[in-house]
Protein backbone atom coordinates (compact mmCIF):
# COMPACT_ATOMS: atom_id res chain seq x y z
CA MET A 1 36.06 7.53 182.14
CA ILE A 2 37.85 10.07 179.71
CA THR A 3 39.35 6.98 177.96
CA VAL A 4 35.75 5.59 177.14
CA ALA A 5 34.62 8.88 176.13
CA VAL A 6 37.53 9.34 174.06
CA LEU A 7 37.19 5.98 171.90
CA LEU A 8 33.38 6.86 171.62
CA ALA A 9 34.61 10.22 169.91
CA VAL A 10 36.94 8.43 167.57
CA THR A 11 33.91 5.69 166.60
CA ILE A 12 31.60 8.86 165.90
CA LEU A 13 33.97 10.58 164.53
CA TRP A 14 34.68 7.89 161.92
CA TYR A 15 31.59 7.54 161.25
CA LEU A 16 30.99 11.06 160.17
CA LEU A 17 34.06 10.63 157.85
CA ARG A 18 32.10 7.62 156.52
CA ALA A 19 29.34 10.18 156.12
CA VAL A 20 31.01 12.99 153.97
CA ALA A 21 33.04 10.31 152.03
CA ARG A 22 30.01 9.77 150.21
CA ILE A 23 29.71 13.46 148.61
CA PHE A 24 33.09 14.52 149.19
CA THR A 25 36.23 12.87 147.05
CA PRO A 26 39.35 13.72 149.35
CA ALA A 27 37.36 12.16 152.68
CA ALA A 28 36.55 9.13 150.74
CA ARG A 29 40.57 8.81 149.85
CA LEU A 30 40.85 9.04 153.73
CA VAL A 31 38.12 6.57 154.41
CA ARG A 32 39.66 4.02 151.98
CA ARG A 33 43.22 4.41 153.51
CA LEU A 34 41.77 4.08 156.87
CA GLY A 35 39.39 1.52 156.32
CA ARG A 36 42.49 -1.28 155.86
CA TRP A 37 42.98 -0.79 159.05
CA THR A 38 39.56 -0.43 160.03
CA GLY A 39 39.10 -3.70 158.36
CA ARG A 40 41.84 -5.47 160.38
CA LEU A 41 40.54 -4.49 163.58
CA HIS A 42 37.04 -5.60 162.64
CA ALA A 43 38.53 -9.18 161.56
CA TRP A 44 40.08 -9.58 164.65
CA VAL A 45 36.76 -8.59 166.81
CA LEU A 46 34.58 -11.10 164.76
CA SER A 47 37.04 -13.60 165.64
CA ALA A 48 37.08 -13.42 168.93
CA PRO A 49 33.46 -12.53 169.79
CA ALA A 50 33.24 -13.73 173.15
CA THR A 51 35.81 -11.95 174.38
CA PHE A 52 34.45 -8.75 172.84
CA ALA A 53 31.26 -9.07 174.26
CA TYR A 54 33.02 -9.58 177.75
CA CYS A 55 34.63 -6.22 176.92
CA ALA A 56 31.59 -5.02 176.30
CA ILE A 57 29.74 -6.01 179.45
CA PHE A 58 32.58 -5.00 182.25
CA THR A 59 33.35 -1.97 180.36
CA ALA A 60 29.06 -0.76 180.87
CA SER A 61 29.46 -2.09 184.20
CA THR A 62 32.63 0.61 184.94
CA LEU A 63 30.64 3.34 183.36
CA VAL A 64 27.95 2.50 186.22
CA GLN A 65 30.24 2.72 188.63
CA ARG A 66 31.72 5.66 188.05
CA ALA A 67 28.52 7.48 187.62
CA ALA A 68 26.54 6.12 190.64
CA PRO A 69 26.84 7.36 194.27
CA PRO A 70 30.06 5.12 196.01
CA ARG A 71 28.10 3.99 199.12
CA LEU A 72 25.21 2.13 196.05
CA ILE A 73 28.36 0.70 194.45
CA THR A 74 29.68 -0.74 197.54
CA VAL A 75 26.40 -2.42 198.20
CA LEU A 76 26.09 -3.82 195.08
CA THR A 77 29.46 -5.40 194.91
CA THR A 78 29.27 -6.75 198.37
CA ILE A 79 26.02 -8.33 197.88
CA GLN A 80 27.09 -9.80 194.01
CA SER A 81 30.69 -10.93 195.93
CA THR A 82 31.52 -14.31 195.96
CA ASN A 83 32.26 -13.93 199.77
CA LEU A 84 31.56 -16.75 202.04
CA VAL A 85 28.23 -15.44 203.12
CA GLY A 86 27.24 -14.68 199.25
CA LEU A 87 28.36 -18.74 198.19
CA HIS A 88 26.70 -19.82 200.80
CA ALA A 89 23.14 -17.60 200.41
CA LYS A 90 23.24 -18.01 196.38
CA PRO A 91 26.04 -19.81 194.78
CA ILE A 92 25.31 -19.28 191.25
CA SER A 93 24.03 -16.08 191.84
CA VAL A 94 27.28 -14.59 192.85
CA LEU A 95 29.52 -16.42 190.63
CA VAL A 96 28.12 -15.07 187.49
CA ALA A 97 27.14 -11.54 188.92
CA SER A 98 30.61 -11.14 190.30
CA GLY A 99 32.57 -11.86 186.86
CA LEU A 100 30.54 -8.65 185.53
CA TRP A 101 32.50 -6.34 187.57
CA VAL A 102 35.45 -4.46 187.54
CA ALA A 103 36.97 -4.10 191.24
CA ASP A 104 37.47 -1.03 192.75
CA ARG A 105 35.17 1.12 191.10
CA GLY A 106 36.46 0.17 187.79
CA ALA A 107 40.33 0.50 188.56
CA GLY A 108 42.58 -0.39 185.73
CA LEU A 109 39.93 -0.59 182.94
CA ILE A 110 42.15 0.13 180.18
CA GLY A 111 44.90 -2.14 181.45
CA TYR A 112 41.93 -5.02 181.52
CA LEU A 113 40.61 -3.81 177.84
CA ALA A 114 44.57 -4.11 176.56
CA VAL A 115 44.97 -7.65 177.87
CA PHE A 116 41.46 -9.42 177.23
CA THR A 117 41.69 -7.72 173.54
CA VAL A 118 45.09 -8.86 172.62
CA VAL A 119 45.82 -11.85 174.83
CA ALA A 120 42.67 -13.51 175.38
CA ALA A 121 41.40 -12.69 171.54
CA TYR A 122 44.32 -14.19 170.77
CA ALA A 123 43.39 -17.46 172.96
CA GLU A 124 39.96 -17.43 171.74
CA ARG A 125 41.34 -17.31 168.33
CA ARG A 126 43.60 -20.36 168.92
CA TYR A 127 41.21 -22.40 171.10
CA GLY A 128 37.90 -21.51 169.74
CA THR A 129 35.12 -19.39 171.22
CA PRO A 130 33.63 -22.63 173.90
CA ARG A 131 37.18 -24.20 175.14
CA LEU A 132 37.91 -20.15 176.12
CA VAL A 133 34.65 -19.74 177.72
CA LEU A 134 35.35 -22.98 179.27
CA ILE A 135 38.80 -21.73 180.39
CA GLY A 136 37.45 -18.39 181.81
CA LEU A 137 34.88 -20.27 183.44
CA ALA A 138 37.26 -22.65 185.27
CA GLY A 139 39.73 -19.83 186.39
CA HIS A 140 36.79 -17.52 187.62
CA VAL A 141 34.54 -20.25 189.39
CA LEU A 142 37.14 -22.62 190.33
CA GLY A 143 38.88 -20.23 191.53
CA SER A 144 36.40 -18.21 193.33
CA LEU A 145 35.40 -21.79 195.04
CA LEU A 146 39.43 -22.69 196.30
CA THR A 147 39.75 -19.10 197.29
CA ALA A 148 36.06 -19.11 199.55
CA VAL A 149 38.03 -22.43 201.23
CA VAL A 150 41.31 -20.90 202.16
CA GLU A 151 38.96 -17.93 203.70
CA LEU A 152 36.79 -20.32 205.89
CA HIS A 153 40.10 -22.33 206.84
CA ALA A 154 41.58 -19.34 207.83
CA ILE A 155 38.50 -17.70 210.03
CA ARG A 156 37.85 -21.22 211.35
CA THR A 157 41.51 -21.47 212.58
CA GLY A 158 41.71 -18.14 213.83
CA ALA A 159 44.23 -16.73 210.93
CA ALA A 160 41.74 -14.42 210.07
CA PRO A 161 38.51 -12.36 211.31
CA ARG A 162 35.11 -13.16 210.73
CA SER A 163 34.65 -10.23 208.92
CA LEU A 164 36.67 -11.65 205.93
CA ALA A 165 33.18 -13.94 205.27
CA LEU A 166 31.66 -10.39 204.28
CA SER A 167 34.43 -9.14 201.98
CA THR A 168 34.24 -7.82 198.69
CA ASP A 169 35.25 -9.82 196.01
CA VAL A 170 34.37 -9.32 192.37
CA GLY A 171 36.06 -8.91 189.20
CA VAL A 172 36.92 -9.94 186.14
CA SER A 173 40.64 -10.45 186.72
CA TYR A 174 40.10 -14.20 187.80
CA VAL A 175 39.08 -14.56 183.92
CA MET A 176 41.89 -12.37 182.42
CA VAL A 177 44.53 -14.37 184.27
CA ALA A 178 43.15 -17.34 183.36
CA CYS A 179 42.56 -16.54 179.82
CA CYS A 180 46.27 -15.31 179.88
CA ALA A 181 47.64 -18.54 181.03
CA ALA A 182 45.84 -20.19 177.82
CA ALA A 183 47.21 -18.15 175.57
CA ILE A 184 50.65 -18.59 176.89
CA LEU A 185 50.50 -22.34 175.89
CA VAL A 186 49.91 -21.73 172.42
CA LEU A 187 52.84 -18.82 171.96
CA PRO A 188 55.64 -19.52 169.77
CA GLY A 189 59.20 -19.73 170.71
CA TRP A 190 60.24 -16.96 172.77
CA LEU A 191 56.92 -15.76 173.53
CA ARG A 192 56.08 -18.51 175.58
CA ILE A 193 59.01 -18.19 177.71
CA ALA A 194 58.57 -14.17 177.97
CA GLY A 195 54.87 -14.20 178.58
CA ALA A 196 55.11 -17.10 181.07
CA VAL A 197 57.71 -15.51 183.39
CA VAL A 198 55.61 -12.26 182.90
CA LEU A 199 52.50 -14.16 184.12
CA ALA A 200 54.68 -15.78 186.77
CA LEU A 201 55.97 -12.53 188.03
CA GLY A 202 52.15 -11.02 188.07
CA VAL A 203 50.95 -13.48 190.43
CA LEU A 204 53.72 -14.70 192.26
CA ALA A 205 55.00 -11.67 193.62
CA PRO A 206 51.88 -10.12 195.08
CA VAL A 207 51.49 -13.56 196.84
CA LEU A 208 55.00 -13.46 198.01
CA VAL A 209 54.77 -9.89 198.84
CA HIS A 210 51.49 -9.17 200.24
CA GLY A 211 49.91 -12.42 201.10
CA THR A 212 46.32 -11.31 201.13
CA ILE A 213 43.58 -13.86 199.95
CA TRP A 214 43.07 -12.11 196.94
CA ASP A 215 46.55 -12.50 195.52
CA LEU A 216 46.42 -15.88 196.39
CA GLY A 217 43.09 -16.25 194.58
CA HIS A 218 44.30 -15.07 191.18
CA LEU A 219 47.48 -17.54 191.81
CA LEU A 220 44.86 -20.18 192.40
CA ALA A 221 42.53 -18.94 189.16
CA THR A 222 45.61 -18.59 187.15
CA LEU A 223 46.43 -22.57 187.66
CA CYS A 224 42.81 -23.48 187.33
CA GLY A 225 42.84 -21.95 183.62
CA LEU A 226 46.10 -23.63 182.80
CA GLY A 227 44.93 -27.06 184.12
CA ALA A 228 41.90 -26.41 181.94
CA ALA A 229 43.71 -25.68 179.00
CA LEU A 230 45.62 -28.48 179.40
CA LEU A 231 43.01 -30.58 179.50
CA LEU A 232 41.17 -29.13 176.50
CA LEU A 233 44.70 -29.24 174.80
CA ALA A 234 44.93 -33.29 175.23
CA ILE A 235 41.32 -33.78 174.02
CA ARG A 236 42.03 -31.54 170.91
CA PRO A 237 44.79 -29.73 169.75
CA THR A 238 44.39 -25.86 168.73
CA ARG A 239 42.61 -24.74 165.71
CA VAL A 240 44.59 -22.85 163.27
CA PRO A 241 42.88 -19.72 162.42
CA LEU A 242 42.39 -17.90 159.76
CA PRO A 243 45.19 -14.69 159.22
CA VAL A 244 43.69 -11.73 160.02
CA ASP A 245 44.40 -9.81 156.61
CA ASP A 246 42.24 -12.90 154.83
CA LEU A 247 39.47 -12.63 156.64
CA ALA A 248 39.42 -8.96 156.06
CA ALA A 249 39.62 -9.12 152.64
CA ARG A 250 36.72 -11.56 152.85
CA LEU A 251 34.45 -8.99 154.71
CA ALA A 252 35.51 -6.41 152.18
CA VAL A 253 34.22 -8.56 149.54
CA ARG A 254 31.18 -8.86 151.40
CA ARG A 255 30.67 -5.45 151.94
CA PRO A 256 28.73 -3.42 149.60
CA PRO A 257 30.79 -0.98 147.85
CA HIS A 258 30.82 2.75 149.08
CA PRO A 259 29.16 5.31 146.61
CA GLY A 260 31.88 7.89 147.26
CA ALA A 261 34.65 6.02 147.30
CA PRO A 262 37.13 6.18 143.79
CA ARG A 263 37.19 3.19 142.11
CA PRO A 264 40.44 1.06 142.12
């Protein structure tokens, strides 16, 4: 919550500075210098629209979780969870709704935002928005369904209690690991090896150490995202995105000149 407030404060201060720059020359110079970086950030965001739209959605849901009574959020997330009861009663609804929440009342929001805005955004630039959406859906939907199959088998064989059918299983992490797997495939050189090692440790270690059904779910979601990415790459190779600096330059040309900014 504090981090989100800081980001909002920085955004407000930036636009206040731009307003002051219209009448105060030193502020205009500062806006011009900082504008090189904000222009790159703007270009990066526009080049990965699905990623940043998704980040906005689950950030908003986190704000709701932090502000609402804990019992209410527990009820909501249980109803919208991809547990066995929910999947049997309204599969499409819970598959959609469960992917819009950050689990554990928004715990780890900053980490999710960091991974999505860097790794998933990179993947979207390379695959294109439609293909990345398919990869994310494969990780979330197929990963959730396969996890449910394992849950059902565990309950039927007595390896897990029947209460597991009403467990809470929501979150954006299945989408995240699927997008990470896709990004690793198109990373250059040693970054691909390093990324594969980090992702493998991230999804395999919890399965080996804790062995919960949700740890297995992340592994399954990763494999589903990887399979979807490989299939899509077999159909068509990755695209070569416009460099961020070039895109930022194009956006700067289209943007009307700032009245308070000094002439170059």
